Amino acid sequence: MTSTAPHTIEGQEAGPQPGRLDRLRRFGYVPRPVTGLRDRLVPPFVRPSAGFWRALGVRPGDGAVLARIAAWGGPLLVALIAGLLRFWNLGRPHAVIFDETYYAKDAWALVNQGYEGSWPKDVDQRILRDGSAVLPPTDPGYVVHPPVGKWVIGLGEKLFDFTPFGWRFMVAVLGTLSVLMLCRIGRRLFRSTFLGCLAGLLLAVDGLHFVMSRTALLDLVLMFFVLAAFGALLLDRDASRRRMAGALPVDGDGVLRPDRTVAETLRLGWRPWRLTAGVMLGLAAGTKWNGLFILAAFGVMSVLWDVGTRRTAGAVRPYAAVLRRDLVPAFASTVPVALATYVVSWTGWIVTSGGYHRQWASSGPGRDSSWGWLFPDWWRSLWHYESQVYTFHVGLTDGHTYESNPWSWLVVGRPVSYYYQDVAPGTGGCPQGTVDKCASEVLALGTPLLWWAACFALLYVGYRWLFRRDWRAGAVLCAFLAGWAPWLHYQERTIFHFYAVVFVPFLCLAVAMMIGAMLGPAGCDERRRAVGAIGSGVLVLLIVWNFVYFHPIYTGAPLPMEEWRNRMWLDMWI
């Protein structure tokens, strides 16, 4: 039911050349098992065996119905749990925490006047007293991130007013929906409802994702659009392989056969899910610029998937076939679509006149530009503004208490404290009999046992990709590296651990894949299955317990100082 037996990696589905086989076997390479061509192009979803239903006392016919219900029922149940966790006391702490002081206010200005304003420094307390009475400033504010994430935050403010609950509402919605999406993505990736729901559950109980889902920052919004793009490309992959399978010839026995002509010449036609991915990646870049790195990585990944499709179908020269048939449509449906989406996201700034540098090309220093005959004023003003923002980002080297190197992210070496307050005994929820004061903190800390398990899981998926030719492992690894590796280039820049939330879903997929291997391959004996079930069950329960243990420092609940210190497992967490 939970096998992660390898399919073949895209672009290399024929396996290694014979001369390399002996060397690869020394590292654990196992040749791809011989399966039908149809199953290789469109693998079936794993169904529980009749023995599984008998063990539960369920008739096989009823079990089939339950399996169909579980395809959506399981993910919806996991998402419900995630939503309850994220929305419970969402307005607490009643404070402007960490960078909410920028994004919540910028969002309020955007939804009210179309551009960000320059806020006075002492306005936070007035907002907390009565946000509806606070008008956004008309003076333009210099902001260094695109507007999509702030429009999302602002929608919640429009619905529930300028309050902590209002500016956190939409982020919590996207955090909950991302859990639902990951369940479905994991199910499609692994062809297993159980493993998909497990990946979603792991995301639901990750501390970093949980805290970011309850804080009005941009990175959770970025993560949502990146995950949506990954899911859209996965749907596109399945649809294109079904189309290829439908075009291949069938012999007299009803068996699908490879065909070089079909594999190298078939046009895969209209691909709406790839266009959807382009829009999602444009929205990701319109939230934070590191979405552009992910656009590039996902573009390469999807083209390699096309190579694998044509090779499996019988193409002798799959790369040449993709170059002729797929490369231009793939580029056109992602890169221009993403860039157009990005530009459209600036509509509020474009159609108003008060935004920062909005008049640079019409009445400012850029009015005498030699490019004025070719590009409209708003385009040249936006280009100038973006060039200044780029200069800011690459030159941001100011020290910060909570900055961290990306090499430390996976071991949660330096989390960020969003909120901290000492609470006297008998006040603010601190027990009356507390010997010392209480600590109320919101710490953006990934669930440690999950992240430490993910370090081993990434090694496992790397092994599966390199030596088992497993395209699923390659997809997970590609998405993780797209979110993490670019930051290694900016060793001198001020960066933070919470940027890692963009690849947390793919860490959860990696851990789910590792747990699937722990449970054992399809057809293994009962002893192997029992040992694997016990080991994986203990790991999952420890991760859930770990989240429950740290829950008070994710939500700002007052803790006696001794209990708070017990949760500071590493000195760098303080």
Protein backbone atom coordinates (compact mmCIF):
# COMPACT_ATOMS: atom_id res chain seq x y z
CA MET A 1 0.00 0.00 0.00
CA THR A 2 2.86 2.38 0.72
CA SER A 3 5.58 1.21 -1.61
CA THR A 4 8.05 3.72 -2.95
CA ALA A 5 9.46 1.30 -5.47
CA PRO A 6 11.19 3.41 -8.07
CA HIS A 7 9.81 4.63 -11.30
CA THR A 8 12.51 5.92 -13.57
CA ILE A 9 14.00 9.39 -13.44
CA GLU A 10 12.96 11.72 -16.20
CA GLY A 11 15.45 12.11 -19.00
CA GLN A 12 17.22 8.86 -18.02
CA GLU A 13 14.43 6.27 -18.10
CA ALA A 14 16.39 3.78 -20.17
CA GLY A 15 18.79 3.29 -17.26
CA PRO A 16 22.58 3.43 -17.28
CA GLN A 17 24.70 2.08 -20.07
CA PRO A 18 25.99 -1.48 -19.58
CA GLY A 19 29.54 -0.28 -19.06
CA ARG A 20 28.43 1.67 -16.02
CA LEU A 21 26.21 -1.00 -14.49
CA ASP A 22 28.80 -2.81 -12.40
CA ARG A 23 30.15 0.42 -10.95
CA LEU A 24 26.68 1.67 -10.05
CA ARG A 25 25.71 -1.64 -8.44
CA ARG A 26 28.51 -1.16 -5.94
CA PHE A 27 26.61 1.95 -4.75
CA GLY A 28 23.28 0.14 -4.55
CA TYR A 29 21.89 0.70 -8.04
CA VAL A 30 18.98 -1.58 -8.86
CA PRO A 31 17.80 -1.78 -12.49
CA ARG A 32 14.25 -0.69 -13.19
CA PRO A 33 11.85 -3.62 -12.90
CA VAL A 34 10.20 -4.70 -16.12
CA THR A 35 6.66 -3.31 -16.19
CA GLY A 36 4.08 -2.66 -18.87
CA LEU A 37 4.53 0.44 -20.98
CA ARG A 38 1.15 1.84 -19.96
CA ASP A 39 2.04 1.53 -16.28
CA ARG A 40 5.38 3.20 -16.93
CA LEU A 41 3.73 6.15 -18.65
CA VAL A 42 0.74 6.43 -16.30
CA PRO A 43 1.46 4.50 -13.06
CA PRO A 44 -1.71 3.34 -11.28
CA PHE A 45 -2.58 4.50 -7.80
CA VAL A 46 -1.79 2.04 -5.03
CA ARG A 47 -4.90 0.26 -3.75
CA PRO A 48 -5.07 -1.55 -0.39
CA SER A 49 -5.08 -5.31 -0.81
CA ALA A 50 -7.99 -7.57 0.02
CA GLY A 51 -5.97 -8.87 2.97
CA PHE A 52 -5.69 -5.34 4.36
CA TRP A 53 -9.48 -4.90 4.32
CA ARG A 54 -10.00 -8.37 5.82
CA ALA A 55 -7.69 -7.45 8.68
CA LEU A 56 -9.91 -4.42 9.36
CA GLY A 57 -13.08 -6.45 9.06
CA VAL A 58 -14.19 -4.59 5.92
CA ARG A 59 -15.61 -6.32 2.87
CA PRO A 60 -13.47 -5.76 -0.27
CA GLY A 61 -16.36 -4.03 -2.07
CA ASP A 62 -16.83 -1.59 0.80
CA GLY A 63 -13.07 -1.16 0.97
CA ALA A 64 -12.96 0.03 -2.63
CA VAL A 65 -15.59 2.66 -1.82
CA LEU A 66 -13.63 3.75 1.25
CA ALA A 67 -10.46 4.04 -0.82
CA ARG A 68 -12.23 6.37 -3.28
CA ILE A 69 -13.63 8.47 -0.44
CA ALA A 70 -10.19 8.63 1.21
CA ALA A 71 -8.67 10.20 -1.91
CA TRP A 72 -10.31 13.48 -0.93
CA GLY A 73 -11.61 12.68 2.55
CA GLY A 74 -8.13 12.04 3.96
CA PRO A 75 -6.61 15.29 2.67
CA LEU A 76 -9.66 17.31 3.80
CA LEU A 77 -9.44 15.82 7.29
CA VAL A 78 -5.73 16.66 7.56
CA ALA A 79 -6.44 20.19 6.28
CA LEU A 80 -9.22 20.58 8.86
CA ILE A 81 -6.77 19.71 11.64
CA ALA A 82 -4.25 22.18 10.21
CA GLY A 83 -6.89 24.90 9.95
CA LEU A 84 -8.06 24.45 13.54
CA LEU A 85 -4.48 24.73 14.75
CA ARG A 86 -3.78 27.85 12.69
CA PHE A 87 -6.99 29.78 13.34
CA TRP A 88 -7.21 29.09 17.07
CA ASN A 89 -6.52 32.43 18.83
CA LEU A 90 -5.14 33.81 15.57
CA GLY A 91 -5.39 37.38 16.88
CA ARG A 92 -3.00 36.60 19.75
CA PRO A 93 -0.62 38.03 20.61
CA HIS A 94 -2.46 41.31 20.16
CA ALA A 95 0.65 43.03 18.90
CA VAL A 96 2.52 44.01 15.77
CA ILE A 97 5.13 41.26 15.76
CA PHE A 98 8.44 41.33 13.91
CA ASP A 99 8.08 42.47 10.26
CA GLU A 100 4.32 42.79 10.51
CA THR A 101 5.21 46.40 11.23
CA TYR A 102 6.05 46.70 7.51
CA TYR A 103 3.79 44.31 5.64
CA ALA A 104 0.53 44.76 7.55
CA LYS A 105 0.73 48.53 7.13
CA ASP A 106 1.85 48.37 3.50
CA ALA A 107 -1.06 46.02 2.80
CA TRP A 108 -3.52 48.45 4.41
CA ALA A 109 -2.21 51.26 2.23
CA LEU A 110 -2.35 49.12 -0.93
CA VAL A 111 -5.98 48.06 -0.54
CA ASN A 112 -7.04 51.62 0.30
CA GLN A 113 -5.06 53.72 -2.15
CA GLY A 114 -3.20 51.39 -4.54
CA TYR A 115 0.35 52.09 -3.35
CA GLU A 116 2.39 51.87 -0.15
CA GLY A 117 2.74 54.93 2.08
CA SER A 118 5.45 56.27 4.38
CA TRP A 119 4.15 55.47 7.86
CA PRO A 120 5.17 57.41 11.00
CA LYS A 121 7.29 55.39 13.41
CA ASP A 122 4.92 55.67 16.38
CA VAL A 123 1.74 54.45 14.66
CA ASP A 124 1.71 50.78 15.79
CA GLN A 125 0.03 51.43 19.15
CA ARG A 126 -2.65 53.57 17.54
CA ILE A 127 -3.35 50.76 15.09
CA LEU A 128 -3.72 48.25 17.94
CA ARG A 129 -6.13 50.55 19.78
CA ASP A 130 -8.37 51.23 16.76
CA GLY A 131 -6.98 50.30 13.37
CA SER A 132 -10.12 51.34 11.50
CA ALA A 133 -9.51 54.94 12.55
CA VAL A 134 -5.98 54.98 11.11
CA LEU A 135 -5.78 56.29 7.56
CA PRO A 136 -2.84 55.31 5.33
CA PRO A 137 -0.38 58.12 4.61
CA THR A 138 -0.51 59.55 1.11
CA ASP A 139 3.24 60.23 1.03
CA PRO A 140 4.86 57.39 -0.96
CA GLY A 141 6.84 54.75 0.92
CA TYR A 142 10.01 53.08 -0.37
CA VAL A 143 9.39 49.33 -0.32
CA VAL A 144 11.75 46.60 -1.48
CA HIS A 145 9.37 43.71 -2.21
CA PRO A 146 6.77 43.36 -4.99
CA PRO A 147 3.11 43.80 -4.05
CA VAL A 148 1.40 40.40 -4.43
CA GLY A 149 1.95 39.19 -0.86
CA LYS A 150 0.78 42.52 0.50
CA TRP A 151 -2.37 42.41 -1.64
CA VAL A 152 -3.08 38.98 -0.13
CA ILE A 153 -2.60 40.30 3.41
CA GLY A 154 -4.69 43.35 2.57
CA LEU A 155 -7.63 41.19 1.48
CA GLY A 156 -7.86 39.86 5.04
CA GLU A 157 -7.71 43.42 6.36
CA LYS A 158 -10.57 44.41 4.08
CA LEU A 159 -12.62 41.51 5.41
CA PHE A 160 -11.80 41.79 9.12
CA ASP A 161 -10.45 45.32 9.47
CA PHE A 162 -7.01 46.63 10.36
CA THR A 163 -6.41 44.29 13.32
CA PRO A 164 -3.97 41.47 14.09
CA PHE A 165 -6.65 38.91 13.17
CA GLY A 166 -7.39 40.79 9.94
CA TRP A 167 -3.83 41.00 8.70
CA ARG A 168 -3.09 37.38 9.63
CA PHE A 169 -6.32 35.92 8.25
CA MET A 170 -5.38 35.34 4.61
CA VAL A 171 -1.94 34.01 5.52
CA ALA A 172 -3.64 31.43 7.76
CA VAL A 173 -6.00 30.55 4.90
CA LEU A 174 -3.07 29.95 2.53
CA GLY A 175 -1.22 27.99 5.23
CA THR A 176 -4.24 25.69 5.62
CA LEU A 177 -4.78 25.32 1.88
CA SER A 178 -1.10 24.48 1.40
CA VAL A 179 -1.56 21.48 3.71
CA LEU A 180 -4.51 20.32 1.58
CA MET A 181 -2.49 20.84 -1.61
CA LEU A 182 0.48 18.90 -0.25
CA CYS A 183 -1.74 15.94 0.63
CA ARG A 184 -3.02 15.82 -2.93
CA ILE A 185 0.41 16.49 -4.46
CA GLY A 186 1.97 13.75 -2.34
CA ARG A 187 -0.82 11.36 -3.31
CA ARG A 188 -0.24 12.00 -7.01
CA LEU A 189 3.55 11.92 -6.70
CA PHE A 190 3.72 8.65 -4.74
CA ARG A 191 0.45 7.16 -6.08
CA SER A 192 -0.49 6.58 -2.43
CA THR A 193 -3.23 8.34 -0.45
CA PHE A 194 -1.53 7.31 2.77
CA LEU A 195 1.84 8.85 1.90
CA GLY A 196 0.18 11.99 0.55
CA CYS A 197 -1.79 12.50 3.76
CA LEU A 198 1.32 11.75 5.79
CA ALA A 199 3.24 14.51 3.99
CA GLY A 200 0.36 16.92 4.65
CA LEU A 201 0.23 15.93 8.31
CA LEU A 202 3.95 16.57 8.68
CA LEU A 203 3.47 20.03 7.19
CA ALA A 204 0.54 20.67 9.53
CA VAL A 205 2.75 20.02 12.57
CA ASP A 206 5.87 21.81 11.39
CA GLY A 207 6.59 24.71 13.72
CA LEU A 208 8.03 27.06 11.12
CA HIS A 209 5.11 26.58 8.74
CA PHE A 210 2.72 26.95 11.69
CA VAL A 211 4.22 30.22 12.92
CA MET A 212 4.49 31.64 9.41
CA SER A 213 0.81 30.73 8.83
CA ARG A 214 -0.07 32.92 11.82
CA THR A 215 2.12 35.91 10.97
CA ALA A 216 1.60 38.57 8.29
CA LEU A 217 4.89 38.09 6.45
CA LEU A 218 5.47 37.41 2.76
CA ASP A 219 7.33 34.09 2.83
CA LEU A 220 4.30 31.88 3.53
CA VAL A 221 2.52 33.49 0.57
CA LEU A 222 5.57 32.79 -1.59
CA MET A 223 5.60 29.16 -0.42
CA PHE A 224 1.91 28.76 -1.34
CA PHE A 225 2.41 29.89 -4.94
CA VAL A 226 5.56 27.78 -5.35
CA LEU A 227 3.74 24.68 -4.09
CA ALA A 228 0.78 25.43 -6.37
CA ALA A 229 3.14 25.71 -9.36
CA PHE A 230 4.76 22.37 -8.47
CA GLY A 231 1.34 20.74 -8.25
CA ALA A 232 0.26 22.23 -11.59
CA LEU A 233 3.39 20.90 -13.31
CA LEU A 234 2.75 17.48 -11.78
CA LEU A 235 -0.77 17.50 -13.21
CA ASP A 236 0.64 18.61 -16.56
CA ARG A 237 3.11 15.72 -16.50
CA ASP A 238 0.36 13.18 -15.91
CA ALA A 239 -1.87 14.68 -18.60
CA SER A 240 0.89 14.72 -21.24
CA ARG A 241 1.86 11.12 -20.49
CA ARG A 242 -1.78 10.02 -20.76
CA ARG A 243 -1.97 11.77 -24.13
CA MET A 244 1.18 10.00 -25.26
CA ALA A 245 -0.14 6.64 -24.06
CA GLY A 246 -3.38 7.26 -25.97
CA ALA A 247 -1.46 7.88 -29.22
CA LEU A 248 0.78 4.79 -29.08
CA PRO A 249 -0.21 1.64 -30.99
CA VAL A 250 -1.71 -1.42 -29.33
CA ASP A 251 -0.83 -4.90 -30.56
CA GLY A 252 -3.20 -7.79 -31.14
CA ASP A 253 -3.06 -8.80 -27.49
CA GLY A 254 -4.10 -5.33 -26.35
CA VAL A 255 -0.60 -4.48 -25.10
CA LEU A 256 0.67 -0.93 -25.57
CA ARG A 257 3.83 -0.82 -27.69
CA PRO A 258 6.51 1.87 -28.04
CA ASP A 259 6.67 3.63 -31.37
CA ARG A 260 9.56 5.85 -32.43
CA THR A 261 7.56 7.88 -34.93
CA VAL A 262 4.78 8.70 -32.47
CA ALA A 263 7.20 9.34 -29.63
CA GLU A 264 9.32 11.78 -31.63
CA THR A 265 6.63 13.60 -33.62
CA LEU A 266 3.48 13.74 -31.48
CA ARG A 267 2.48 17.26 -30.44
CA LEU A 268 1.29 17.20 -26.86
CA GLY A 269 -1.25 19.93 -27.56
CA TRP A 270 -2.92 22.43 -25.26
CA ARG A 271 -1.41 22.25 -21.77
CA PRO A 272 -3.48 24.42 -19.41
CA TRP A 273 -1.74 23.15 -16.27
CA ARG A 274 1.59 24.39 -17.55
CA LEU A 275 0.03 27.82 -18.13
CA THR A 276 -1.35 27.66 -14.59
CA ALA A 277 2.15 26.97 -13.33
CA GLY A 278 3.39 30.04 -15.23
CA VAL A 279 0.78 32.22 -13.52
CA MET A 280 1.61 30.75 -10.09
CA LEU A 281 5.34 31.31 -10.62
CA GLY A 282 4.63 34.89 -11.71
CA LEU A 283 2.67 35.43 -8.49
CA ALA A 284 5.56 33.88 -6.55
CA ALA A 285 8.05 36.31 -8.12
CA GLY A 286 5.49 39.06 -7.50
CA THR A 287 5.69 38.23 -3.79
CA LYS A 288 9.47 37.95 -3.43
CA TRP A 289 12.13 37.93 -6.12
CA ASN A 290 13.61 34.56 -5.19
CA GLY A 291 10.58 33.14 -6.99
CA LEU A 292 12.59 33.77 -10.18
CA PHE A 293 15.14 31.10 -9.21
CA ILE A 294 12.30 28.65 -8.70
CA LEU A 295 10.83 29.59 -12.09
CA ALA A 296 14.13 28.65 -13.75
CA ALA A 297 14.48 25.36 -11.83
CA PHE A 298 10.89 24.27 -12.44
CA GLY A 299 11.20 25.15 -16.13
CA VAL A 300 14.21 22.85 -16.54
CA MET A 301 12.51 20.12 -14.52
CA SER A 302 9.35 20.16 -16.64
CA VAL A 303 11.35 19.98 -19.89
CA LEU A 304 13.26 16.96 -18.55
CA TRP A 305 9.92 15.38 -17.73
CA ASP A 306 8.98 15.78 -21.41
CA VAL A 307 12.27 14.11 -22.37
CA GLY A 308 11.39 11.18 -20.13
CA THR A 309 7.91 10.93 -21.62
CA ARG A 310 9.21 10.69 -25.18
CA ARG A 311 12.02 8.32 -24.25
CA THR A 312 9.64 5.95 -22.47
CA ALA A 313 7.31 6.04 -25.47
CA GLY A 314 10.13 4.88 -27.76
CA ALA A 315 12.00 7.98 -28.93
CA VAL A 316 15.57 7.19 -29.96
CA ARG A 317 16.57 10.86 -29.80
CA PRO A 318 14.28 12.25 -27.08
CA TYR A 319 16.25 15.47 -26.51
CA ALA A 320 16.08 16.36 -30.20
CA ALA A 321 12.36 15.57 -30.21
CA VAL A 322 11.75 17.82 -27.21
CA LEU A 323 13.84 20.56 -28.79
CA ARG A 324 11.67 20.43 -31.91
CA ARG A 325 8.25 19.85 -30.36
CA ASP A 326 8.19 20.95 -26.74
CA LEU A 327 10.86 23.48 -25.83
CA VAL A 328 9.32 26.60 -27.40
CA PRO A 329 5.77 25.87 -26.12
CA ALA A 330 7.20 25.10 -22.67
CA PHE A 331 9.07 28.40 -22.58
CA ALA A 332 6.12 30.39 -23.94
CA SER A 333 3.67 28.97 -21.43
CA THR A 334 5.84 29.67 -18.40
CA VAL A 335 8.39 32.48 -18.71
CA PRO A 336 6.38 35.13 -20.66
CA VAL A 337 3.25 34.21 -18.68
CA ALA A 338 5.13 34.58 -15.39
CA LEU A 339 6.64 37.91 -16.43
CA ALA A 340 3.27 39.23 -17.61
CA THR A 341 1.70 38.14 -14.31
CA TYR A 342 4.46 39.93 -12.44
CA VAL A 343 3.89 43.19 -14.30
CA VAL A 344 0.10 42.97 -13.84
CA SER A 345 0.66 42.59 -10.09
CA TRP A 346 1.93 46.20 -10.11
CA THR A 347 -1.38 47.50 -11.45
CA GLY A 348 -2.17 49.47 -8.29
CA TRP A 349 1.13 51.34 -8.55
CA ILE A 350 0.75 51.81 -12.32
CA VAL A 351 -2.79 53.26 -12.39
CA THR A 352 -2.22 55.65 -9.48
CA SER A 353 0.13 58.59 -9.41
CA GLY A 354 1.34 58.72 -5.82
CA GLY A 355 3.58 55.65 -5.59
CA TYR A 356 7.30 55.84 -4.92
CA HIS A 357 9.16 56.83 -8.14
CA ARG A 358 5.87 56.64 -10.05
CA GLN A 359 6.55 60.01 -11.71
CA TRP A 360 10.28 59.44 -12.27
CA ALA A 361 9.91 59.10 -16.06
CA SER A 362 7.22 61.73 -16.60
CA SER A 363 8.25 64.64 -14.38
CA GLY A 364 11.38 63.43 -12.61
CA PRO A 365 15.01 62.85 -13.63
CA GLY A 366 13.99 60.24 -16.23
CA ARG A 367 11.83 62.51 -18.34
CA ASP A 368 14.68 63.20 -20.79
CA SER A 369 15.48 59.53 -21.35
CA SER A 370 16.37 58.53 -24.91
CA TRP A 371 14.09 55.48 -24.47
CA GLY A 372 10.96 57.62 -24.01
CA TRP A 373 9.82 57.06 -27.61
CA LEU A 374 9.81 53.28 -27.14
CA PHE A 375 8.59 52.64 -23.61
CA PRO A 376 5.72 54.35 -21.79
CA ASP A 377 6.42 56.46 -18.72
CA TRP A 378 5.08 53.90 -16.26
CA TRP A 379 7.32 51.18 -17.71
CA ARG A 380 10.47 53.29 -17.44
CA SER A 381 9.53 54.42 -13.92
CA LEU A 382 8.96 50.83 -12.85
CA TRP A 383 12.25 49.70 -14.40
CA HIS A 384 14.10 52.47 -12.54
CA TYR A 385 12.39 51.56 -9.27
CA GLU A 386 13.20 47.86 -9.69
CA SER A 387 16.86 48.59 -10.46
CA GLN A 388 17.11 50.55 -7.20
CA VAL A 389 15.48 47.71 -5.29
CA TYR A 390 17.96 45.23 -6.80
CA THR A 391 20.86 47.42 -5.66
CA PHE A 392 19.36 47.47 -2.16
CA HIS A 393 18.98 43.70 -1.96
CA VAL A 394 22.46 42.77 -3.14
CA GLY A 395 24.01 45.38 -0.83
CA LEU A 396 22.06 44.43 2.31
CA THR A 397 24.84 43.42 4.70
CA ASP A 398 23.80 45.14 7.93
CA GLY A 399 24.15 42.85 10.92
CA HIS A 400 21.06 41.54 12.70
CA THR A 401 20.65 39.62 15.94
CA TYR A 402 18.77 36.79 14.27
CA GLU A 403 20.53 36.51 10.92
CA SER A 404 21.71 33.04 9.97
CA ASN A 405 23.70 31.28 7.30
CA PRO A 406 21.68 28.98 5.02
CA TRP A 407 24.04 26.12 5.89
CA SER A 408 22.48 26.15 9.37
CA TRP A 409 18.85 26.16 8.28
CA LEU A 410 18.34 22.41 7.98
CA VAL A 411 19.52 21.82 11.54
CA VAL A 412 17.44 24.79 12.80
CA GLY A 413 20.58 26.45 14.07
CA ARG A 414 19.31 30.02 14.45
CA PRO A 415 15.52 30.55 14.51
CA VAL A 416 13.99 34.02 14.69
CA SER A 417 12.13 35.35 17.73
CA TYR A 418 9.14 37.31 16.41
CA TYR A 419 7.77 38.35 19.78
CA TYR A 420 8.96 38.19 23.40
CA GLN A 421 7.50 39.63 26.58
CA ASP A 422 8.10 39.04 30.28
CA VAL A 423 4.85 38.35 32.12
CA ALA A 424 4.52 38.87 35.87
CA PRO A 425 2.93 36.10 38.01
CA GLY A 426 -0.83 36.42 38.21
CA THR A 427 -1.09 38.55 35.07
CA GLY A 428 -1.53 37.83 31.35
CA GLY A 429 -2.03 34.08 31.87
CA CYS A 430 1.06 33.54 34.03
CA PRO A 431 0.10 31.29 36.99
CA GLN A 432 -0.24 33.12 40.31
CA GLY A 433 2.13 30.81 42.17
CA THR A 434 4.99 31.08 39.66
CA VAL A 435 8.28 31.59 41.52
CA ASP A 436 9.84 33.62 38.73
CA LYS A 437 8.27 35.56 35.89
CA CYS A 438 6.81 33.92 32.77
CA ALA A 439 8.06 34.21 29.21
CA SER A 440 5.68 34.81 26.29
CA GLU A 441 7.42 34.17 22.98
CA VAL A 442 6.64 33.50 19.33
CA LEU A 443 9.68 31.67 17.96
CA ALA A 444 9.85 30.81 14.24
CA LEU A 445 11.35 27.39 14.89
CA GLY A 446 10.81 24.36 12.69
CA THR A 447 9.75 21.25 14.62
CA PRO A 448 13.27 20.02 15.44
CA LEU A 449 12.71 16.27 15.09
CA LEU A 450 11.02 16.78 11.73
CA TRP A 451 13.86 18.90 10.38
CA TRP A 452 16.56 16.60 11.71
CA ALA A 453 14.75 13.62 10.18
CA ALA A 454 14.56 15.61 6.93
CA CYS A 455 18.36 15.81 6.83
CA PHE A 456 18.46 12.01 6.52
CA ALA A 457 15.47 12.03 4.17
CA LEU A 458 17.28 14.37 1.77
CA LEU A 459 20.23 12.00 1.69
CA TYR A 460 17.79 9.18 0.98
CA VAL A 461 16.03 10.95 -1.90
CA GLY A 462 19.43 11.91 -3.31
CA TYR A 463 20.38 8.25 -3.25
CA ARG A 464 17.08 7.28 -4.89
CA TRP A 465 17.59 9.83 -7.62
CA LEU A 466 21.22 8.99 -8.37
CA PHE A 467 21.19 5.21 -8.02
CA ARG A 468 17.57 4.08 -8.33
CA ARG A 469 16.64 6.39 -11.20
CA ASP A 470 13.56 7.56 -9.28
CA TRP A 471 12.09 10.66 -10.94
CA ARG A 472 9.98 11.42 -7.85
CA ALA A 473 13.08 11.79 -5.72
CA GLY A 474 14.57 14.04 -8.39
CA ALA A 475 11.47 16.26 -8.36
CA VAL A 476 11.54 16.65 -4.57
CA LEU A 477 15.27 17.34 -4.60
CA CYS A 478 14.93 19.89 -7.40
CA ALA A 479 12.21 21.81 -5.56
CA PHE A 480 14.20 21.80 -2.32
CA LEU A 481 17.39 23.00 -4.00
CA ALA A 482 15.50 25.70 -5.92
CA GLY A 483 14.36 27.18 -2.60
CA TRP A 484 17.59 26.73 -0.67
CA ALA A 485 20.66 26.70 -2.91
CA PRO A 486 20.39 30.26 -4.34
CA TRP A 487 20.89 31.70 -0.86
CA LEU A 488 24.32 30.07 -0.67
CA HIS A 489 25.47 32.63 -3.24
CA TYR A 490 24.73 35.50 -0.82
CA GLN A 491 27.02 34.61 2.06
CA GLU A 492 27.51 38.26 3.02
CA ARG A 493 23.85 39.27 2.77
CA THR A 494 21.61 39.57 5.83
CA ILE A 495 19.30 36.55 5.60
CA PHE A 496 17.09 34.68 8.05
CA HIS A 497 16.00 31.15 8.86
CA PHE A 498 12.33 31.83 8.13
CA TYR A 499 13.17 32.16 4.42
CA ALA A 500 13.36 28.36 4.54
CA VAL A 501 9.56 28.04 4.77
CA VAL A 502 9.46 28.07 0.96
CA PHE A 503 10.94 24.54 0.82
CA VAL A 504 9.34 23.07 3.96
CA PRO A 505 6.65 21.21 1.92
CA PHE A 506 9.38 19.43 -0.01
CA LEU A 507 11.15 18.42 3.19
CA CYS A 508 7.85 16.85 4.26
CA LEU A 509 7.60 15.01 0.93
CA ALA A 510 11.16 13.73 1.43
CA VAL A 511 10.36 12.47 4.94
CA ALA A 512 7.15 10.83 3.68
CA MET A 513 9.11 9.10 0.93
CA MET A 514 11.65 7.85 3.47
CA ILE A 515 8.88 6.57 5.74
CA GLY A 516 7.33 4.79 2.76
CA ALA A 517 10.64 2.97 2.28
CA MET A 518 10.76 2.16 6.01
CA LEU A 519 7.32 0.52 5.72
CA GLY A 520 8.72 -1.78 3.07
CA PRO A 521 8.16 -2.43 -0.63
CA ALA A 522 5.03 -3.99 -2.02
CA GLY A 523 4.97 -7.74 -1.49
CA CYS A 524 7.35 -7.82 1.49
CA ASP A 525 6.66 -10.34 4.27
CA GLU A 526 4.62 -9.53 7.38
CA ARG A 527 7.65 -9.41 9.67
CA ARG A 528 9.34 -6.78 7.49
CA ARG A 529 6.11 -4.81 7.30
CA ALA A 530 5.59 -4.95 11.08
CA VAL A 531 9.12 -3.77 11.86
CA GLY A 532 8.81 -0.96 9.34
CA ALA A 533 5.41 0.08 10.66
CA ILE A 534 6.67 0.24 14.23
CA GLY A 535 9.75 2.27 13.30
CA SER A 536 7.90 4.73 11.08
CA GLY A 537 5.01 5.00 13.55
CA VAL A 538 7.39 5.88 16.38
CA LEU A 539 9.06 8.52 14.21
CA VAL A 540 5.75 10.17 13.27
CA LEU A 541 4.50 10.12 16.87
CA LEU A 542 7.75 11.70 18.08
CA ILE A 543 7.42 14.47 15.50
CA VAL A 544 3.81 15.16 16.55
CA TRP A 545 4.82 15.13 20.24
CA ASN A 546 7.68 17.50 19.44
CA PHE A 547 5.24 19.96 17.88
CA VAL A 548 2.90 19.74 20.88
CA TYR A 549 5.83 20.27 23.26
CA PHE A 550 6.96 23.44 21.47
CA HIS A 551 3.43 24.72 20.79
CA PRO A 552 3.51 27.28 23.65
CA ILE A 553 6.55 29.04 22.14
CA TYR A 554 4.91 29.04 18.72
CA THR A 555 1.84 30.90 19.98
CA GLY A 556 3.14 33.28 22.66
CA ALA A 557 1.52 31.34 25.52
CA PRO A 558 3.02 32.40 28.90
CA LEU A 559 5.42 29.79 30.25
CA PRO A 560 7.19 29.80 33.63
CA MET A 561 10.84 30.64 32.98
CA GLU A 562 12.02 27.15 33.93
CA GLU A 563 9.68 25.55 31.36
CA TRP A 564 10.72 28.09 28.74
CA ARG A 565 14.42 27.35 29.37
CA ASN A 566 13.71 23.60 29.04
CA ARG A 567 12.56 24.27 25.48
CA MET A 568 15.71 26.14 24.52
CA TRP A 569 17.52 22.98 23.45
CA LEU A 570 20.32 24.91 21.76
CA ASP A 571 21.99 28.09 23.00
CA MET A 572 21.51 29.66 19.55
CA TRP A 573 17.72 29.51 20.02
CA ILE A 574 17.85 32.22 22.67
